[in-house]
Amino acid sequence: MANLKASIKDIKKSRKRREQNLVFKNSMKKTIKSFKESVLKQEEESKLKEMLKEAYKIIDKNTKKKVIHKNNAARKKSSLAKMILTK
């Protein structure tokens, strides 16, 4: 455990940030998972495009908040777009 007061505060901040980042990551994972399930069920293309738009929105927000790296976000978005094309 840290001894300095500033170090203790840093640890508290890190824990709080980690918890918040996990909330953002979990919402992103849920959205991506529901999109993948919809693709497998072969739902309407208009509905899939709306879901893709929502997934992009969440991924971009997480990138802006620096929860995930921009290359990771690009990779996720690319793989989701491929799913619609290969459907």
N, C-alpha and C. Protein backbone atom coordinates (compact mmCIF):
# COMPACT_ATOMS: atom_id res chain seq x y z
N MET A 1 0.85 -1.19 0.00
CA MET A 1 0.00 0.00 0.00
C MET A 1 0.88 1.24 0.00
N ALA A 2 0.39 2.28 -0.60
CA ALA A 2 1.15 3.53 -0.71
C ALA A 2 1.26 4.22 0.64
N ASN A 3 2.34 4.94 0.81
CA ASN A 3 2.58 5.65 2.06
C ASN A 3 2.26 7.14 1.97
N LEU A 4 2.54 7.73 0.83
CA LEU A 4 2.32 9.16 0.66
C LEU A 4 0.84 9.46 0.47
N LYS A 5 0.45 10.63 0.96
CA LYS A 5 -0.95 11.04 0.86
C LYS A 5 -1.40 11.16 -0.59
N ALA A 6 -0.54 11.71 -1.43
CA ALA A 6 -0.87 11.87 -2.85
C ALA A 6 -1.03 10.51 -3.54
N SER A 7 -0.20 9.55 -3.15
CA SER A 7 -0.28 8.21 -3.73
C SER A 7 -1.59 7.52 -3.34
N ILE A 8 -1.99 7.71 -2.11
CA ILE A 8 -3.25 7.13 -1.63
C ILE A 8 -4.42 7.72 -2.42
N LYS A 9 -4.38 9.03 -2.64
CA LYS A 9 -5.44 9.68 -3.43
C LYS A 9 -5.45 9.16 -4.86
N ASP A 10 -4.27 8.95 -5.43
CA ASP A 10 -4.18 8.43 -6.79
C ASP A 10 -4.80 7.04 -6.90
N ILE A 11 -4.56 6.22 -5.90
CA ILE A 11 -5.13 4.88 -5.90
C ILE A 11 -6.65 4.95 -5.85
N LYS A 12 -7.18 5.84 -5.02
CA LYS A 12 -8.64 6.01 -4.94
C LYS A 12 -9.21 6.45 -6.27
N LYS A 13 -8.53 7.41 -6.92
CA LYS A 13 -9.00 7.90 -8.21
C LYS A 13 -8.96 6.80 -9.27
N SER A 14 -7.89 6.01 -9.23
CA SER A 14 -7.75 4.92 -10.20
C SER A 14 -8.88 3.90 -10.05
N ARG A 15 -9.21 3.57 -8.81
CA ARG A 15 -10.30 2.61 -8.57
C ARG A 15 -11.63 3.15 -9.09
N LYS A 16 -11.87 4.42 -8.81
CA LYS A 16 -13.12 5.03 -9.25
C LYS A 16 -13.21 5.06 -10.78
N ARG A 17 -12.11 5.44 -11.42
CA ARG A 17 -12.07 5.48 -12.88
C ARG A 17 -12.27 4.08 -13.47
N ARG A 18 -11.65 3.09 -12.85
CA ARG A 18 -11.76 1.71 -13.33
C ARG A 18 -13.21 1.25 -13.28
N GLU A 19 -13.88 1.54 -12.18
CA GLU A 19 -15.29 1.15 -12.05
C GLU A 19 -16.14 1.81 -13.13
N GLN A 20 -15.89 3.10 -13.36
CA GLN A 20 -16.66 3.81 -14.38
C GLN A 20 -16.36 3.27 -15.77
N ASN A 21 -15.08 2.98 -16.05
CA ASN A 21 -14.71 2.42 -17.35
C ASN A 21 -15.35 1.07 -17.58
N LEU A 22 -15.45 0.27 -16.52
CA LEU A 22 -16.09 -1.04 -16.66
C LEU A 22 -17.57 -0.89 -17.02
N VAL A 23 -18.23 0.11 -16.49
CA VAL A 23 -19.63 0.36 -16.84
C VAL A 23 -19.74 0.67 -18.33
N PHE A 24 -18.85 1.54 -18.82
CA PHE A 24 -18.86 1.90 -20.23
C PHE A 24 -18.55 0.69 -21.11
N LYS A 25 -17.54 -0.09 -20.71
CA LYS A 25 -17.15 -1.25 -21.50
C LYS A 25 -18.27 -2.29 -21.55
N ASN A 26 -18.93 -2.50 -20.41
CA ASN A 26 -20.00 -3.49 -20.38
C ASN A 26 -21.17 -3.09 -21.25
N SER A 27 -21.50 -1.80 -21.28
CA SER A 27 -22.59 -1.35 -22.15
C SER A 27 -22.22 -1.54 -23.61
N MET A 28 -20.96 -1.30 -23.93
CA MET A 28 -20.49 -1.51 -25.30
C MET A 28 -20.57 -2.99 -25.67
N LYS A 29 -20.11 -3.85 -24.77
CA LYS A 29 -20.14 -5.29 -25.03
C LYS A 29 -21.56 -5.80 -25.23
N LYS A 30 -22.50 -5.31 -24.42
CA LYS A 30 -23.90 -5.72 -24.56
C LYS A 30 -24.47 -5.31 -25.90
N THR A 31 -24.16 -4.10 -26.32
CA THR A 31 -24.66 -3.61 -27.61
C THR A 31 -24.09 -4.43 -28.76
N ILE A 32 -22.80 -4.71 -28.71
CA ILE A 32 -22.16 -5.49 -29.77
C ILE A 32 -22.72 -6.91 -29.79
N LYS A 33 -22.93 -7.47 -28.62
CA LYS A 33 -23.45 -8.83 -28.54
C LYS A 33 -24.87 -8.90 -29.12
N SER A 34 -25.71 -7.93 -28.79
CA SER A 34 -27.07 -7.95 -29.33
C SER A 34 -27.07 -7.75 -30.84
N PHE A 35 -26.14 -6.94 -31.35
CA PHE A 35 -26.02 -6.76 -32.79
C PHE A 35 -25.63 -8.07 -33.47
N LYS A 36 -24.65 -8.76 -32.89
CA LYS A 36 -24.20 -10.03 -33.47
C LYS A 36 -25.33 -11.06 -33.48
N GLU A 37 -26.10 -11.11 -32.41
CA GLU A 37 -27.23 -12.04 -32.35
C GLU A 37 -28.27 -11.71 -33.41
N SER A 38 -28.51 -10.43 -33.65
CA SER A 38 -29.47 -10.02 -34.67
C SER A 38 -28.99 -10.41 -36.06
N VAL A 39 -27.70 -10.31 -36.28
CA VAL A 39 -27.14 -10.71 -37.58
C VAL A 39 -27.33 -12.21 -37.77
N LEU A 40 -27.09 -12.97 -36.73
CA LEU A 40 -27.24 -14.42 -36.83
C LEU A 40 -28.71 -14.82 -37.06
N LYS A 41 -29.63 -14.05 -36.48
CA LYS A 41 -31.06 -14.32 -36.66
C LYS A 41 -31.56 -13.85 -38.03
N GLN A 42 -30.69 -13.15 -38.75
CA GLN A 42 -31.01 -12.62 -40.08
C GLN A 42 -32.24 -11.72 -40.05
N GLU A 43 -32.16 -10.72 -39.22
CA GLU A 43 -33.26 -9.76 -39.12
C GLU A 43 -33.22 -8.79 -40.30
N GLU A 44 -34.22 -7.91 -40.37
CA GLU A 44 -34.32 -6.96 -41.47
C GLU A 44 -33.08 -6.08 -41.55
N GLU A 45 -32.74 -5.71 -42.78
CA GLU A 45 -31.54 -4.90 -42.98
C GLU A 45 -31.68 -3.51 -42.38
N SER A 46 -32.89 -2.95 -42.42
CA SER A 46 -33.09 -1.62 -41.85
C SER A 46 -32.86 -1.63 -40.34
N LYS A 47 -33.33 -2.70 -39.69
CA LYS A 47 -33.13 -2.82 -38.25
C LYS A 47 -31.65 -3.01 -37.93
N LEU A 48 -30.97 -3.80 -38.75
CA LEU A 48 -29.55 -4.03 -38.53
C LEU A 48 -28.75 -2.74 -38.69
N LYS A 49 -29.13 -1.92 -39.66
CA LYS A 49 -28.42 -0.66 -39.86
C LYS A 49 -28.62 0.28 -38.67
N GLU A 50 -29.83 0.27 -38.10
CA GLU A 50 -30.08 1.09 -36.91
C GLU A 50 -29.24 0.60 -35.73
N MET A 51 -29.17 -0.72 -35.58
CA MET A 51 -28.38 -1.28 -34.49
C MET A 51 -26.89 -1.00 -34.71
N LEU A 52 -26.44 -1.05 -35.96
CA LEU A 52 -25.05 -0.75 -36.28
C LEU A 52 -24.73 0.70 -35.93
N LYS A 53 -25.67 1.58 -36.25
CA LYS A 53 -25.50 3.00 -35.95
C LYS A 53 -25.36 3.21 -34.44
N GLU A 54 -26.19 2.52 -33.68
CA GLU A 54 -26.14 2.63 -32.22
C GLU A 54 -24.81 2.08 -31.67
N ALA A 55 -24.36 0.96 -32.23
CA ALA A 55 -23.09 0.38 -31.80
C ALA A 55 -21.94 1.32 -32.10
N TYR A 56 -21.95 1.92 -33.29
CA TYR A 56 -20.91 2.90 -33.65
C TYR A 56 -20.90 4.04 -32.65
N LYS A 57 -22.09 4.50 -32.30
CA LYS A 57 -22.22 5.64 -31.39
C LYS A 57 -21.57 5.33 -30.04
N ILE A 58 -21.86 4.15 -29.51
CA ILE A 58 -21.32 3.77 -28.20
C ILE A 58 -19.80 3.57 -28.29
N ILE A 59 -19.33 2.94 -29.37
CA ILE A 59 -17.90 2.73 -29.53
C ILE A 59 -17.17 4.07 -29.62
N ASP A 60 -17.74 5.00 -30.38
CA ASP A 60 -17.12 6.32 -30.51
C ASP A 60 -17.09 7.08 -29.18
N LYS A 61 -18.16 6.95 -28.40
CA LYS A 61 -18.18 7.61 -27.10
C LYS A 61 -17.10 7.05 -26.19
N ASN A 62 -16.95 5.73 -26.21
CA ASN A 62 -15.92 5.11 -25.37
C ASN A 62 -14.52 5.51 -25.82
N THR A 63 -14.35 5.70 -27.12
CA THR A 63 -13.06 6.14 -27.63
C THR A 63 -12.78 7.57 -27.19
N LYS A 64 -13.80 8.41 -27.25
CA LYS A 64 -13.64 9.81 -26.86
C LYS A 64 -13.29 9.93 -25.38
N LYS A 65 -13.88 9.05 -24.56
CA LYS A 65 -13.61 9.07 -23.12
C LYS A 65 -12.33 8.32 -22.77
N LYS A 66 -11.64 7.82 -23.80
CA LYS A 66 -10.39 7.08 -23.66
C LYS A 66 -10.54 5.81 -22.83
N VAL A 67 -11.69 5.17 -22.98
CA VAL A 67 -11.91 3.88 -22.35
C VAL A 67 -11.24 2.81 -23.20
N ILE A 68 -11.34 2.96 -24.52
CA ILE A 68 -10.65 2.06 -25.44
C ILE A 68 -9.80 2.90 -26.40
N HIS A 69 -8.80 2.27 -26.97
CA HIS A 69 -7.91 2.94 -27.91
C HIS A 69 -8.59 3.13 -29.26
N LYS A 70 -8.19 4.15 -29.99
CA LYS A 70 -8.85 4.45 -31.26
C LYS A 70 -8.68 3.33 -32.29
N ASN A 71 -7.54 2.64 -32.27
CA ASN A 71 -7.35 1.52 -33.21
C ASN A 71 -8.25 0.35 -32.84
N ASN A 72 -8.43 0.14 -31.55
CA ASN A 72 -9.34 -0.91 -31.08
C ASN A 72 -10.76 -0.59 -31.54
N ALA A 73 -11.14 0.67 -31.43
CA ALA A 73 -12.48 1.08 -31.86
C ALA A 73 -12.65 0.87 -33.36
N ALA A 74 -11.64 1.23 -34.13
CA ALA A 74 -11.70 1.06 -35.58
C ALA A 74 -11.83 -0.42 -35.95
N ARG A 75 -11.12 -1.26 -35.23
CA ARG A 75 -11.17 -2.70 -35.49
C ARG A 75 -12.56 -3.25 -35.18
N LYS A 76 -13.15 -2.82 -34.07
CA LYS A 76 -14.50 -3.27 -33.71
C LYS A 76 -15.53 -2.82 -34.74
N LYS A 77 -15.45 -1.55 -35.15
CA LYS A 77 -16.40 -1.01 -36.12
C LYS A 77 -16.27 -1.73 -37.46
N SER A 78 -15.05 -2.02 -37.85
CA SER A 78 -14.82 -2.70 -39.11
C SER A 78 -15.41 -4.11 -39.09
N SER A 79 -15.20 -4.82 -38.01
CA SER A 79 -15.72 -6.19 -37.93
C SER A 79 -17.25 -6.21 -37.91
N LEU A 80 -17.88 -5.19 -37.28
CA LEU A 80 -19.33 -5.11 -37.28
C LEU A 80 -19.86 -4.82 -38.67
N ALA A 81 -19.18 -3.94 -39.39
CA ALA A 81 -19.61 -3.60 -40.76
C ALA A 81 -19.49 -4.81 -41.68
N LYS A 82 -18.45 -5.61 -41.49
CA LYS A 82 -18.26 -6.81 -42.31
C LYS A 82 -19.40 -7.80 -42.09
N MET A 83 -19.91 -7.87 -40.89
CA MET A 83 -21.00 -8.80 -40.59
C MET A 83 -22.23 -8.52 -41.43
N ILE A 84 -22.54 -7.26 -41.63
CA ILE A 84 -23.71 -6.90 -42.43
C ILE A 84 -23.46 -7.25 -43.90
N LEU A 85 -22.25 -6.99 -44.37
CA LEU A 85 -21.93 -7.23 -45.77
C LEU A 85 -21.93 -8.71 -46.11
N THR A 86 -21.45 -9.56 -45.20
CA THR A 86 -21.35 -10.99 -45.48
C THR A 86 -22.61 -11.75 -45.14
N LYS A 87 -23.60 -11.06 -44.63
CA LYS A 87 -24.86 -11.69 -44.20
C LYS A 87 -25.59 -12.34 -45.33
